Amino acid sequence: MWDTLGGFNPTKLKSQLKMAVSRFQIASNKKAALLKQNMRDVAVLLSEDPPKEEKARIKAEALIRDDDMIEAYDILSLNCDLLSERIKLIQYSKECPNDLISCVSTLIYASPRVDIPELVEIRKQFRAKYGKKFEEAALQNFGGVLNERVLTKLSVQPPAAYLVQTYLEKICEKYEVDWKSPSAYSNIPLGEPMPAPMGRSVGIAQGTGLGSVLGTTSQPPFAEVVREIQKEDLPRVPSAIAYPSNSNSTFATQQDFFEEPDIFIPPAPGHSKTSAPLAPPATPTAPPADERNDDDDDNSGAKASGSQTPSNQMASYQDLAARFENLKNL
């Protein structure tokens, strides 16, 4: 009877409208059940010490979004009921009746924005009936024919800050949670969306659980700590320009900033600061020829090579000691 190549079919349209009403009801009940659990989760987040406000606000936005979707489902379901009852009028009217333009256009607009597969087929049926131009006008809301509430509830814009704040307060009141909005959110324009989270309610070292070692989340940032240190009046090293070498009196007043390093110089063996420098050891006399043996001949090379070591060590040590004395007198 009707065109089988994708044309308008009133019987198929009516069945799809009826199925969409049932689908809307199932989706609304499912979201309503999840909303109750999500509300309890928000109450738990705000009851913690410290309260996790940023995560609670994100969940509150999800609650608002689900509430808006349920409201849109109810309005779209009413439109489907109305169109299914007036299917005969749609069937025998060449143009869309004026009192049904808003309902038909709203269903076409909502088809890609809600997870209801029946709306896709309903959109195809109305496109076959009224043409592609009618479909494009509905998708672009040409002439402002769409339902204003559905248009608002299906918007991608985030909810306003005052609405998020109201949801949090109502949830705390319902579940008897003692929580108040912190002063950090008092300067947010209530008509604007909530700002992006900055991590104020996120603790330190959550993975290891050692956050108490580092401190609480109220610690100032590292840059502020550096600025506070720079403000302190710390003693500075006197430079050659500020304290020239010939102004002994000025430098003497600043010597309290420094402590003389305790440089310990161990004395050389057999030598002290009060005693005179040790004289080089006397050259040993050679033993008689008859007392020498073959072993002396073997060790003669080693003794000759080590005979100059004590005098060289003494000279190096005395030079090092003189340098340290000069450094201490500066």
C-alpha atoms as a PDB file:
ATOM      1  CA  MET A   1       0.000   0.000   0.000  1.00  0.00           C
ATOM      2  CA  TRP A   2       2.667   2.476   1.088  1.00  0.00           C
ATOM      3  CA  ASP A   3       5.999   3.050  -0.600  1.00  0.00           C
ATOM      4  CA  THR A   4       8.400   0.288   0.421  1.00  0.00           C
ATOM      5  CA  LEU A   5      11.511   2.216  -0.695  1.00  0.00           C
ATOM      6  CA  GLY A   6      11.871   4.256   2.473  1.00  0.00           C
ATOM      7  CA  GLY A   7       8.720   6.382   2.081  1.00  0.00           C
ATOM      8  CA  PHE A   8       6.348   7.543   4.766  1.00  0.00           C
ATOM      9  CA  ASN A   9       4.534   4.715   6.579  1.00  0.00           C
ATOM     10  CA  PRO A  10       1.955   5.879   9.194  1.00  0.00           C
ATOM     11  CA  THR A  11       1.636   2.431  10.716  1.00  0.00           C
ATOM     12  CA  LYS A  12       5.361   2.151  11.267  1.00  0.00           C
ATOM     13  CA  LEU A  13       5.503   5.700  12.606  1.00  0.00           C
ATOM     14  CA  LYS A  14       2.777   5.020  15.168  1.00  0.00           C
ATOM     15  CA  SER A  15       4.480   1.850  16.402  1.00  0.00           C
ATOM     16  CA  GLN A  16       7.785   3.660  16.731  1.00  0.00           C
ATOM     17  CA  LEU A  17       6.116   6.450  18.702  1.00  0.00           C
ATOM     18  CA  LYS A  18       4.591   3.929  21.111  1.00  0.00           C
ATOM     19  CA  MET A  19       7.890   2.116  21.529  1.00  0.00           C
ATOM     20  CA  ALA A  20       9.660   5.435  22.165  1.00  0.00           C
ATOM     21  CA  VAL A  21       7.256   6.210  25.027  1.00  0.00           C
ATOM     22  CA  SER A  22       8.141   2.905  26.702  1.00  0.00           C
ATOM     23  CA  ARG A  23      11.843   3.473  26.060  1.00  0.00           C
ATOM     24  CA  PHE A  24      11.677   6.923  27.621  1.00  0.00           C
ATOM     25  CA  GLN A  25      10.049   5.468  30.734  1.00  0.00           C
ATOM     26  CA  ILE A  26      12.687   2.756  31.110  1.00  0.00           C
ATOM     27  CA  ALA A  27      15.544   5.226  30.650  1.00  0.00           C
ATOM     28  CA  SER A  28      14.024   7.643  33.182  1.00  0.00           C
ATOM     29  CA  ASN A  29      13.620   4.940  35.827  1.00  0.00           C
ATOM     30  CA  LYS A  30      17.187   3.769  35.311  1.00  0.00           C
ATOM     31  CA  LYS A  31      18.625   7.246  35.685  1.00  0.00           C
ATOM     32  CA  ALA A  32      16.465   7.956  38.740  1.00  0.00           C
ATOM     33  CA  ALA A  33      17.823   4.851  40.481  1.00  0.00           C
ATOM     34  CA  LEU A  34      21.399   5.863  39.713  1.00  0.00           C
ATOM     35  CA  LEU A  35      20.755   9.395  40.953  1.00  0.00           C
ATOM     36  CA  LYS A  36      19.983   8.177  44.460  1.00  0.00           C
ATOM     37  CA  GLN A  37      23.273   6.296  44.646  1.00  0.00           C
ATOM     38  CA  ASN A  38      25.204   9.259  43.249  1.00  0.00           C
ATOM     39  CA  MET A  39      23.621  11.580  45.815  1.00  0.00           C
ATOM     40  CA  ARG A  40      24.861   9.335  48.624  1.00  0.00           C
ATOM     41  CA  ASP A  41      28.336   9.376  47.074  1.00  0.00           C
ATOM     42  CA  VAL A  42      28.332  13.183  47.110  1.00  0.00           C
ATOM     43  CA  ALA A  43      27.265  13.192  50.765  1.00  0.00           C
ATOM     44  CA  VAL A  44      30.130  10.826  51.626  1.00  0.00           C
ATOM     45  CA  LEU A  45      32.659  13.040  49.836  1.00  0.00           C
ATOM     46  CA  LEU A  46      31.508  16.131  51.757  1.00  0.00           C
ATOM     47  CA  SER A  47      31.523  14.291  55.099  1.00  0.00           C
ATOM     48  CA  GLU A  48      35.198  13.324  54.857  1.00  0.00           C
ATOM     49  CA  ASP A  49      37.917  15.181  56.725  1.00  0.00           C
ATOM     50  CA  PRO A  50      38.973  17.217  54.843  1.00  0.00           C
ATOM     51  CA  PRO A  51      35.924  17.244  52.553  1.00  0.00           C
ATOM     52  CA  LYS A  52      36.567  16.502  48.895  1.00  0.00           C
ATOM     53  CA  GLU A  53      34.657  19.495  47.583  1.00  0.00           C
ATOM     54  CA  GLU A  54      36.032  19.572  44.043  1.00  0.00           C
ATOM     55  CA  LYS A  55      35.110  15.972  43.314  1.00  0.00           C
ATOM     56  CA  ALA A  56      31.715  16.523  44.934  1.00  0.00           C
ATOM     57  CA  ARG A  57      31.081  19.513  42.650  1.00  0.00           C
ATOM     58  CA  ILE A  58      31.937  17.465  39.575  1.00  0.00           C
ATOM     59  CA  LYS A  59      29.515  14.765  40.684  1.00  0.00           C
ATOM     60  CA  ALA A  60      26.913  17.435  41.386  1.00  0.00           C
ATOM     61  CA  GLU A  61      27.194  18.596  37.773  1.00  0.00           C
ATOM     62  CA  ALA A  62      26.553  15.002  36.684  1.00  0.00           C
ATOM     63  CA  LEU A  63      23.472  14.933  38.925  1.00  0.00           C
ATOM     64  CA  ILE A  64      22.179  18.113  37.335  1.00  0.00           C
ATOM     65  CA  ARG A  65      22.807  16.707  33.877  1.00  0.00           C
ATOM     66  CA  ASP A  66      20.895  13.519  34.685  1.00  0.00           C
ATOM     67  CA  ASP A  67      18.034  15.521  36.167  1.00  0.00           C
ATOM     68  CA  ASP A  68      17.841  17.604  33.007  1.00  0.00           C
ATOM     69  CA  MET A  69      17.872  14.484  30.859  1.00  0.00           C
ATOM     70  CA  ILE A  70      15.002  12.932  32.827  1.00  0.00           C
ATOM     71  CA  GLU A  71      13.024  16.137  32.415  1.00  0.00           C
ATOM     72  CA  ALA A  72      13.693  16.146  28.668  1.00  0.00           C
ATOM     73  CA  TYR A  73      12.661  12.477  28.481  1.00  0.00           C
ATOM     74  CA  ASP A  74       9.305  13.283  30.074  1.00  0.00           C
ATOM     75  CA  ILE A  75       8.596  16.140  27.647  1.00  0.00           C
ATOM     76  CA  LEU A  76       9.617  14.106  24.615  1.00  0.00           C
ATOM     77  CA  SER A  77       7.471  11.222  25.815  1.00  0.00           C
ATOM     78  CA  LEU A  78       4.455  13.534  25.942  1.00  0.00           C
ATOM     79  CA  ASN A  79       5.170  14.656  22.381  1.00  0.00           C
ATOM     80  CA  CYS A  80       5.301  11.039  21.218  1.00  0.00           C
ATOM     81  CA  ASP A  81       1.978  10.330  22.914  1.00  0.00           C
ATOM     82  CA  LEU A  82       0.366  13.325  21.222  1.00  0.00           C
ATOM     83  CA  LEU A  83       1.679  12.445  17.748  1.00  0.00           C
ATOM     84  CA  SER A  84       0.604   8.816  18.047  1.00  0.00           C
ATOM     85  CA  GLU A  85      -2.946   9.963  18.844  1.00  0.00           C
ATOM     86  CA  ARG A  86      -2.969  12.314  15.858  1.00  0.00           C
ATOM     87  CA  ILE A  87      -1.439   9.932  13.372  1.00  0.00           C
ATOM     88  CA  LYS A  88      -4.506  10.186  11.103  1.00  0.00           C
ATOM     89  CA  LEU A  89      -4.164  13.961  10.921  1.00  0.00           C
ATOM     90  CA  ILE A  90      -0.503  13.579  10.000  1.00  0.00           C
ATOM     91  CA  GLN A  91      -1.323  10.934   7.426  1.00  0.00           C
ATOM     92  CA  TYR A  92      -3.838  12.982   5.467  1.00  0.00           C
ATOM     93  CA  SER A  93      -2.209  16.413   5.803  1.00  0.00           C
ATOM     94  CA  LYS A  94       0.216  17.407   3.063  1.00  0.00           C
ATOM     95  CA  GLU A  95       1.920  19.973   5.280  1.00  0.00           C
ATOM     96  CA  CYS A  96       2.658  19.680   8.971  1.00  0.00           C
ATOM     97  CA  PRO A  97      -0.254  21.081  11.043  1.00  0.00           C
ATOM     98  CA  ASN A  98       0.664  24.324  12.810  1.00  0.00           C
ATOM     99  CA  ASP A  99      -0.089  22.975  16.286  1.00  0.00           C
ATOM    100  CA  LEU A 100       2.209  19.971  15.669  1.00  0.00           C
ATOM    101  CA  ILE A 101       5.210  21.807  14.199  1.00  0.00           C
ATOM    102  CA  SER A 102       6.818  22.252  17.616  1.00  0.00           C
ATOM    103  CA  CYS A 103       6.308  18.604  18.605  1.00  0.00           C
ATOM    104  CA  VAL A 104       7.610  17.176  15.333  1.00  0.00           C
ATOM    105  CA  SER A 105      10.569  19.576  15.179  1.00  0.00           C
ATOM    106  CA  THR A 106      11.508  18.851  18.799  1.00  0.00           C
ATOM    107  CA  LEU A 107      11.590  15.103  18.187  1.00  0.00           C
ATOM    108  CA  ILE A 108      13.752  15.586  15.087  1.00  0.00           C
ATOM    109  CA  TYR A 109      16.125  17.860  17.043  1.00  0.00           C
ATOM    110  CA  ALA A 110      16.390  15.439  19.982  1.00  0.00           C
ATOM    111  CA  SER A 111      17.010  12.296  17.910  1.00  0.00           C
ATOM    112  CA  PRO A 112      20.841  12.657  17.756  1.00  0.00           C
ATOM    113  CA  ARG A 113      21.072  14.030  21.322  1.00  0.00           C
ATOM    114  CA  VAL A 114      19.392  11.307  23.365  1.00  0.00           C
ATOM    115  CA  ASP A 115      20.105   7.599  23.546  1.00  0.00           C
ATOM    116  CA  ILE A 116      16.701   6.500  22.218  1.00  0.00           C
ATOM    117  CA  PRO A 117      17.028   4.453  19.001  1.00  0.00           C
ATOM    118  CA  GLU A 118      13.336   4.795  18.131  1.00  0.00           C
ATOM    119  CA  LEU A 119      13.765   8.545  17.573  1.00  0.00           C
ATOM    120  CA  VAL A 120      16.100   7.846  14.629  1.00  0.00           C
ATOM    121  CA  GLU A 121      13.364   5.972  12.801  1.00  0.00           C
ATOM    122  CA  ILE A 122      10.795   8.614  13.746  1.00  0.00           C
ATOM    123  CA  ARG A 123      13.049  11.264  12.238  1.00  0.00           C
ATOM    124  CA  LYS A 124      13.306   9.296   8.984  1.00  0.00           C
ATOM    125  CA  GLN A 125       9.522   9.021   8.761  1.00  0.00           C
ATOM    126  CA  PHE A 126       8.998  12.753   9.204  1.00  0.00           C
ATOM    127  CA  ARG A 127      11.713  13.510   6.665  1.00  0.00           C
ATOM    128  CA  ALA A 128       9.954  11.277   4.162  1.00  0.00           C
ATOM    129  CA  LYS A 129       6.652  12.993   4.916  1.00  0.00           C
ATOM    130  CA  TYR A 130       7.648  16.686   5.039  1.00  0.00           C
ATOM    131  CA  GLY A 131      10.931  16.799   3.151  1.00  0.00           C
ATOM    132  CA  LYS A 132      14.581  17.482   3.917  1.00  0.00           C
ATOM    133  CA  LYS A 133      14.139  21.240   4.252  1.00  0.00           C
ATOM    134  CA  PHE A 134      11.725  20.730   7.126  1.00  0.00           C
ATOM    135  CA  GLU A 135      14.267  18.475   8.820  1.00  0.00           C
ATOM    136  CA  GLU A 136      17.100  21.017   8.440  1.00  0.00           C
ATOM    137  CA  ALA A 137      14.912  23.812   9.780  1.00  0.00           C
ATOM    138  CA  ALA A 138      14.144  21.701  12.860  1.00  0.00           C
ATOM    139  CA  LEU A 139      17.804  20.861  13.483  1.00  0.00           C
ATOM    140  CA  GLN A 140      18.759  24.560  13.259  1.00  0.00           C
ATOM    141  CA  ASN A 141      15.705  25.756  15.243  1.00  0.00           C
ATOM    142  CA  PHE A 142      14.723  28.044  12.389  1.00  0.00           C
ATOM    143  CA  GLY A 143      11.986  30.385  13.584  1.00  0.00           C
ATOM    144  CA  GLY A 144      12.365  29.285  17.218  1.00  0.00           C
ATOM    145  CA  VAL A 145       9.882  26.429  16.864  1.00  0.00           C
ATOM    146  CA  LEU A 146      11.586  24.039  19.302  1.00  0.00           C
ATOM    147  CA  ASN A 147      10.404  23.450  22.836  1.00  0.00           C
ATOM    148  CA  GLU A 148      12.412  25.844  25.011  1.00  0.00           C
ATOM    149  CA  ARG A 149      12.699  23.493  27.955  1.00  0.00           C
ATOM    150  CA  VAL A 150      13.944  20.626  25.823  1.00  0.00           C
ATOM    151  CA  LEU A 151      16.370  22.952  24.081  1.00  0.00           C
ATOM    152  CA  THR A 152      17.760  24.076  27.453  1.00  0.00           C
ATOM    153  CA  LYS A 153      17.909  20.619  29.044  1.00  0.00           C
ATOM    154  CA  LEU A 154      19.730  19.100  26.076  1.00  0.00           C
ATOM    155  CA  SER A 155      22.228  21.944  25.873  1.00  0.00           C
ATOM    156  CA  VAL A 156      25.916  21.131  26.176  1.00  0.00           C
ATOM    157  CA  GLN A 157      26.561  24.163  28.383  1.00  0.00           C
ATOM    158  CA  PRO A 158      27.580  23.270  31.973  1.00  0.00           C
ATOM    159  CA  PRO A 159      25.219  24.255  34.787  1.00  0.00           C
ATOM    160  CA  ALA A 160      25.639  27.550  36.597  1.00  0.00           C
ATOM    161  CA  ALA A 161      27.639  27.757  39.817  1.00  0.00           C
ATOM    162  CA  TYR A 162      24.656  28.730  41.939  1.00  0.00           C
ATOM    163  CA  LEU A 163      22.797  25.601  40.799  1.00  0.00           C
ATOM    164  CA  VAL A 164      25.752  23.364  41.717  1.00  0.00           C
ATOM    165  CA  GLN A 165      25.995  25.078  45.091  1.00  0.00           C
ATOM    166  CA  THR A 166      22.269  24.606  45.694  1.00  0.00           C
ATOM    167  CA  TYR A 167      22.486  20.888  44.885  1.00  0.00           C
ATOM    168  CA  LEU A 168      25.364  20.432  47.333  1.00  0.00           C
ATOM    169  CA  GLU A 169      23.529  22.243  50.110  1.00  0.00           C
ATOM    170  CA  LYS A 170      20.342  20.269  49.553  1.00  0.00           C
ATOM    171  CA  ILE A 171      22.246  16.970  49.566  1.00  0.00           C
ATOM    172  CA  CYS A 172      23.976  17.902  52.829  1.00  0.00           C
ATOM    173  CA  GLU A 173      20.641  18.846  54.335  1.00  0.00           C
ATOM    174  CA  LYS A 174      19.046  15.573  53.237  1.00  0.00           C
ATOM    175  CA  TYR A 175      21.830  13.344  54.550  1.00  0.00           C
ATOM    176  CA  GLU A 176      22.595  15.539  57.607  1.00  0.00           C
ATOM    177  CA  VAL A 177      26.140  16.400  56.619  1.00  0.00           C
ATOM    178  CA  ASP A 178      27.754  19.361  58.377  1.00  0.00           C
ATOM    179  CA  TRP A 179      29.402  21.167  55.479  1.00  0.00           C
ATOM    180  CA  LYS A 180      29.630  24.763  54.360  1.00  0.00           C
ATOM    181  CA  SER A 181      30.999  26.179  51.158  1.00  0.00           C
ATOM    182  CA  PRO A 182      34.633  27.366  51.593  1.00  0.00           C
ATOM    183  CA  SER A 183      35.570  30.981  51.076  1.00  0.00           C
ATOM    184  CA  ALA A 184      37.572  30.024  47.964  1.00  0.00           C
ATOM    185  CA  TYR A 185      34.283  29.734  46.041  1.00  0.00           C
ATOM    186  CA  SER A 186      32.696  32.909  47.378  1.00  0.00           C
ATOM    187  CA  ASN A 187      34.066  35.098  44.551  1.00  0.00           C
ATOM    188  CA  ILE A 188      32.795  32.875  41.730  1.00  0.00           C
ATOM    189  CA  PRO A 189      30.021  34.530  39.666  1.00  0.00           C
ATOM    190  CA  LEU A 190      26.898  32.511  40.409  1.00  0.00           C
ATOM    191  CA  GLY A 191      25.626  32.817  36.861  1.00  0.00           C
ATOM    192  CA  GLU A 192      28.809  31.368  35.361  1.00  0.00           C
ATOM    193  CA  PRO A 193      29.812  27.687  35.228  1.00  0.00           C
ATOM    194  CA  MET A 194      32.031  26.247  37.944  1.00  0.00           C
ATOM    195  CA  PRO A 195      35.769  26.770  37.283  1.00  0.00           C
ATOM    196  CA  ALA A 196      38.054  23.856  36.521  1.00  0.00           C
ATOM    197  CA  PRO A 197      39.327  22.026  39.634  1.00  0.00           C
ATOM    198  CA  MET A 198      42.692  23.179  40.977  1.00  0.00           C
ATOM    199  CA  GLY A 199      43.330  20.209  43.268  1.00  0.00           C
ATOM    200  CA  ARG A 200      42.691  22.020  46.566  1.00  0.00           C
ATOM    201  CA  SER A 201      41.039  18.963  48.108  1.00  0.00           C
ATOM    202  CA  VAL A 202      43.629  16.469  46.851  1.00  0.00           C
ATOM    203  CA  GLY A 203      46.037  15.259  49.520  1.00  0.00           C
ATOM    204  CA  ILE A 204      49.792  14.823  49.196  1.00  0.00           C
ATOM    205  CA  ALA A 205      51.349  11.438  48.366  1.00  0.00           C
ATOM    206  CA  GLN A 206      48.057   9.575  47.983  1.00  0.00           C
ATOM    207  CA  GLY A 207      49.669   6.520  46.427  1.00  0.00           C
ATOM    208  CA  THR A 208      52.126   5.766  49.238  1.00  0.00           C
ATOM    209  CA  GLY A 209      50.031   7.122  52.089  1.00  0.00           C
ATOM    210  CA  LEU A 210      53.001   9.142  53.368  1.00  0.00           C
ATOM    211  CA  GLY A 211      51.366  12.525  52.938  1.00  0.00           C
ATOM    212  CA  SER A 212      51.589  13.242  56.678  1.00  0.00           C
ATOM    213  CA  VAL A 213      55.372  13.238  56.404  1.00  0.00           C
ATOM    214  CA  LEU A 214      55.295  16.061  53.866  1.00  0.00           C
ATOM    215  CA  GLY A 215      52.537  18.009  55.602  1.00  0.00           C
ATOM    216  CA  THR A 216      48.943  18.873  54.899  1.00  0.00           C
ATOM    217  CA  THR A 217      47.373  20.218  51.756  1.00  0.00           C
ATOM    218  CA  SER A 218      47.326  23.685  53.310  1.00  0.00           C
ATOM    219  CA  GLN A 219      51.044  24.139  52.801  1.00  0.00           C
ATOM    220  CA  PRO A 220      51.960  27.178  50.695  1.00  0.00           C
ATOM    221  CA  PRO A 221      53.295  26.494  47.222  1.00  0.00           C
ATOM    222  CA  PHE A 222      57.026  26.219  46.756  1.00  0.00           C
ATOM    223  CA  ALA A 223      57.238  29.588  44.994  1.00  0.00           C
ATOM    224  CA  GLU A 224      55.687  31.329  48.029  1.00  0.00           C
ATOM    225  CA  VAL A 225      58.175  29.661  50.351  1.00  0.00           C
ATOM    226  CA  VAL A 226      61.031  30.948  48.209  1.00  0.00           C
ATOM    227  CA  ARG A 227      59.624  34.486  48.272  1.00  0.00           C
ATOM    228  CA  GLU A 228      59.364  34.393  52.072  1.00  0.00           C
ATOM    229  CA  ILE A 229      62.983  33.297  52.358  1.00  0.00           C
ATOM    230  CA  GLN A 230      64.094  36.082  50.067  1.00  0.00           C
ATOM    231  CA  LYS A 231      62.347  38.640  52.261  1.00  0.00           C
ATOM    232  CA  GLU A 232      64.486  37.737  55.286  1.00  0.00           C
ATOM    233  CA  ASP A 233      67.441  40.016  56.107  1.00  0.00           C
ATOM    234  CA  LEU A 234      70.239  37.489  55.912  1.00  0.00           C
ATOM    235  CA  PRO A 235      73.930  38.466  56.479  1.00  0.00           C
ATOM    236  CA  ARG A 236      75.854  38.770  53.286  1.00  0.00           C
ATOM    237  CA  VAL A 237      79.542  38.199  52.591  1.00  0.00           C
ATOM    238  CA  PRO A 238      81.415  41.571  52.578  1.00  0.00           C
ATOM    239  CA  SER A 239      82.843  42.211  49.148  1.00  0.00           C
ATOM    240  CA  ALA A 240      86.153  43.840  48.278  1.00  0.00           C
ATOM    241  CA  ILE A 241      84.328  47.002  47.171  1.00  0.00           C
ATOM    242  CA  ALA A 242      82.340  47.377  50.363  1.00  0.00           C
ATOM    243  CA  TYR A 243      85.222  46.502  52.651  1.00  0.00           C
ATOM    244  CA  PRO A 244      88.621  47.322  51.079  1.00  0.00           C
ATOM    245  CA  SER A 245      91.732  45.773  52.484  1.00  0.00           C
ATOM    246  CA  ASN A 246      93.083  49.099  53.835  1.00  0.00           C
ATOM    247  CA  SER A 247      89.994  49.829  55.974  1.00  0.00           C
ATOM    248  CA  ASN A 248      90.774  47.513  58.867  1.00  0.00           C
ATOM    249  CA  SER A 249      88.344  49.238  61.228  1.00  0.00           C
ATOM    250  CA  THR A 250      85.377  48.780  58.926  1.00  0.00           C
ATOM    251  CA  PHE A 251      86.205  45.173  58.283  1.00  0.00           C
ATOM    252  CA  ALA A 252      86.675  44.525  61.983  1.00  0.00           C
ATOM    253  CA  THR A 253      83.075  45.500  62.670  1.00  0.00           C
ATOM    254  CA  GLN A 254      81.888  42.896  60.186  1.00  0.00           C
ATOM    255  CA  GLN A 255      84.111  40.060  61.352  1.00  0.00           C
ATOM    256  CA  ASP A 256      81.409  38.793  63.684  1.00  0.00           C
ATOM    257  CA  PHE A 257      79.614  37.369  60.681  1.00  0.00           C
ATOM    258  CA  PHE A 258      82.424  34.892  60.173  1.00  0.00           C
ATOM    259  CA  GLU A 259      84.090  32.289  62.290  1.00  0.00           C
ATOM    260  CA  GLU A 260      87.732  31.490  61.804  1.00  0.00           C
ATOM    261  CA  PRO A 261      88.014  27.979  60.413  1.00  0.00           C
ATOM    262  CA  ASP A 262      89.705  25.558  62.724  1.00  0.00           C
ATOM    263  CA  ILE A 263      92.577  24.336  60.555  1.00  0.00           C
ATOM    264  CA  PHE A 264      94.628  21.673  62.246  1.00  0.00           C
ATOM    265  CA  ILE A 265      98.082  20.976  60.901  1.00  0.00           C
ATOM    266  CA  PRO A 266      99.623  17.835  62.352  1.00  0.00           C
ATOM    267  CA  PRO A 267     103.306  18.296  63.290  1.00  0.00           C
ATOM    268  CA  ALA A 268     105.960  16.442  61.415  1.00  0.00           C
ATOM    269  CA  PRO A 269     107.556  13.517  63.154  1.00  0.00           C
ATOM    270  CA  GLY A 270     109.989  14.819  65.723  1.00  0.00           C
ATOM    271  CA  HIS A 271     108.932  18.455  65.068  1.00  0.00           C
ATOM    272  CA  SER A 272     106.772  21.027  66.830  1.00  0.00           C
ATOM    273  CA  LYS A 273     106.026  24.738  66.401  1.00  0.00           C
ATOM    274  CA  THR A 274     108.301  25.731  69.341  1.00  0.00           C
ATOM    275  CA  SER A 275     111.221  23.512  68.510  1.00  0.00           C
ATOM    276  CA  ALA A 276     113.780  24.289  65.854  1.00  0.00           C
ATOM    277  CA  PRO A 277     113.505  22.551  62.549  1.00  0.00           C
ATOM    278  CA  LEU A 278     115.047  19.179  62.485  1.00  0.00           C
ATOM    279  CA  ALA A 279     118.420  18.983  60.848  1.00  0.00           C
ATOM    280  CA  PRO A 280     118.785  16.598  57.998  1.00  0.00           C
ATOM    281  CA  PRO A 281     120.027  13.195  59.116  1.00  0.00           C
ATOM    282  CA  ALA A 282     123.768  12.595  59.003  1.00  0.00           C
ATOM    283  CA  THR A 283     125.118  10.537  56.209  1.00  0.00           C
ATOM    284  CA  PRO A 284     125.719   7.032  57.536  1.00  0.00           C
ATOM    285  CA  THR A 285     129.269   5.703  57.406  1.00  0.00           C
ATOM    286  CA  ALA A 286     129.947   2.629  55.379  1.00  0.00           C
ATOM    287  CA  PRO A 287     130.732  -0.546  57.388  1.00  0.00           C
ATOM    288  CA  PRO A 288     134.079  -2.260  57.008  1.00  0.00           C
ATOM    289  CA  ALA A 289     134.604  -4.290  53.939  1.00  0.00           C
ATOM    290  CA  ASP A 290     134.955  -7.510  55.859  1.00  0.00           C
ATOM    291  CA  GLU A 291     131.590  -7.075  57.621  1.00  0.00           C
ATOM    292  CA  ARG A 292     129.696  -6.671  54.382  1.00  0.00           C
ATOM    293  CA  ASN A 293     128.104  -9.737  52.903  1.00  0.00           C
ATOM    294  CA  ASP A 294     126.357 -10.649  49.808  1.00  0.00           C
ATOM    295  CA  ASP A 295     122.941  -9.587  51.163  1.00  0.00           C
ATOM    296  CA  ASP A 296     124.136  -5.991  51.503  1.00  0.00           C
ATOM    297  CA  ASP A 297     125.127  -5.973  47.884  1.00  0.00           C
ATOM    298  CA  ASP A 298     121.585  -7.063  46.935  1.00  0.00           C
ATOM    299  CA  ASN A 299     119.922  -4.324  49.009  1.00  0.00           C
ATOM    300  CA  SER A 300     122.377  -1.557  48.189  1.00  0.00           C
ATOM    301  CA  GLY A 301     120.240  -0.290  45.320  1.00  0.00           C
ATOM    302  CA  ALA A 302     117.083  -0.046  47.514  1.00  0.00           C
ATOM    303  CA  LYS A 303     118.904   1.785  50.322  1.00  0.00           C
ATOM    304  CA  ALA A 304     120.485   4.243  47.912  1.00  0.00           C
ATOM    305  CA  SER A 305     117.117   5.036  46.317  1.00  0.00           C
ATOM    306  CA  GLY A 306     115.394   5.637  49.682  1.00  0.00           C
ATOM    307  CA  SER A 307     118.134   7.677  51.308  1.00  0.00           C
ATOM    308  CA  GLN A 308     116.749  10.956  49.882  1.00  0.00           C
ATOM    309  CA  THR A 309     113.055  10.434  50.918  1.00  0.00           C
ATOM    310  CA  PRO A 310     113.120  11.966  54.485  1.00  0.00           C
ATOM    311  CA  SER A 311     114.674  15.244  53.366  1.00  0.00           C
ATOM    312  CA  ASN A 312     112.217  15.613  50.464  1.00  0.00           C
ATOM    313  CA  GLN A 313     109.229  14.915  52.733  1.00  0.00           C
ATOM    314  CA  MET A 314     110.470  17.443  55.287  1.00  0.00           C
ATOM    315  CA  ALA A 315     110.864  20.147  52.636  1.00  0.00           C
ATOM    316  CA  SER A 316     107.360  19.495  51.250  1.00  0.00           C
ATOM    317  CA  TYR A 317     105.799  19.505  54.715  1.00  0.00           C
ATOM    318  CA  GLN A 318     107.498  22.766  55.737  1.00  0.00           C
ATOM    319  CA  ASP A 319     106.275  24.434  52.543  1.00  0.00           C
ATOM    320  CA  LEU A 320     102.696  23.223  53.192  1.00  0.00           C
ATOM    321  CA  ALA A 321     102.800  24.386  56.815  1.00  0.00           C
ATOM    322  CA  ALA A 322     103.977  27.837  55.737  1.00  0.00           C
ATOM    323  CA  ARG A 323     101.030  28.122  53.308  1.00  0.00           C
ATOM    324  CA  PHE A 324      98.506  27.228  55.990  1.00  0.00           C
ATOM    325  CA  GLU A 325     100.004  29.806  58.356  1.00  0.00           C
ATOM    326  CA  ASN A 326      99.616  32.451  55.660  1.00  0.00           C
ATOM    327  CA  LEU A 327      95.984  31.468  55.116  1.00  0.00           C
ATOM    328  CA  LYS A 328      95.181  31.727  58.829  1.00  0.00           C
ATOM    329  CA  ASN A 329      96.755  35.178  59.058  1.00  0.00           C
ATOM    330  CA  LEU A 330      94.586  36.624  56.255  1.00  0.00           C
END
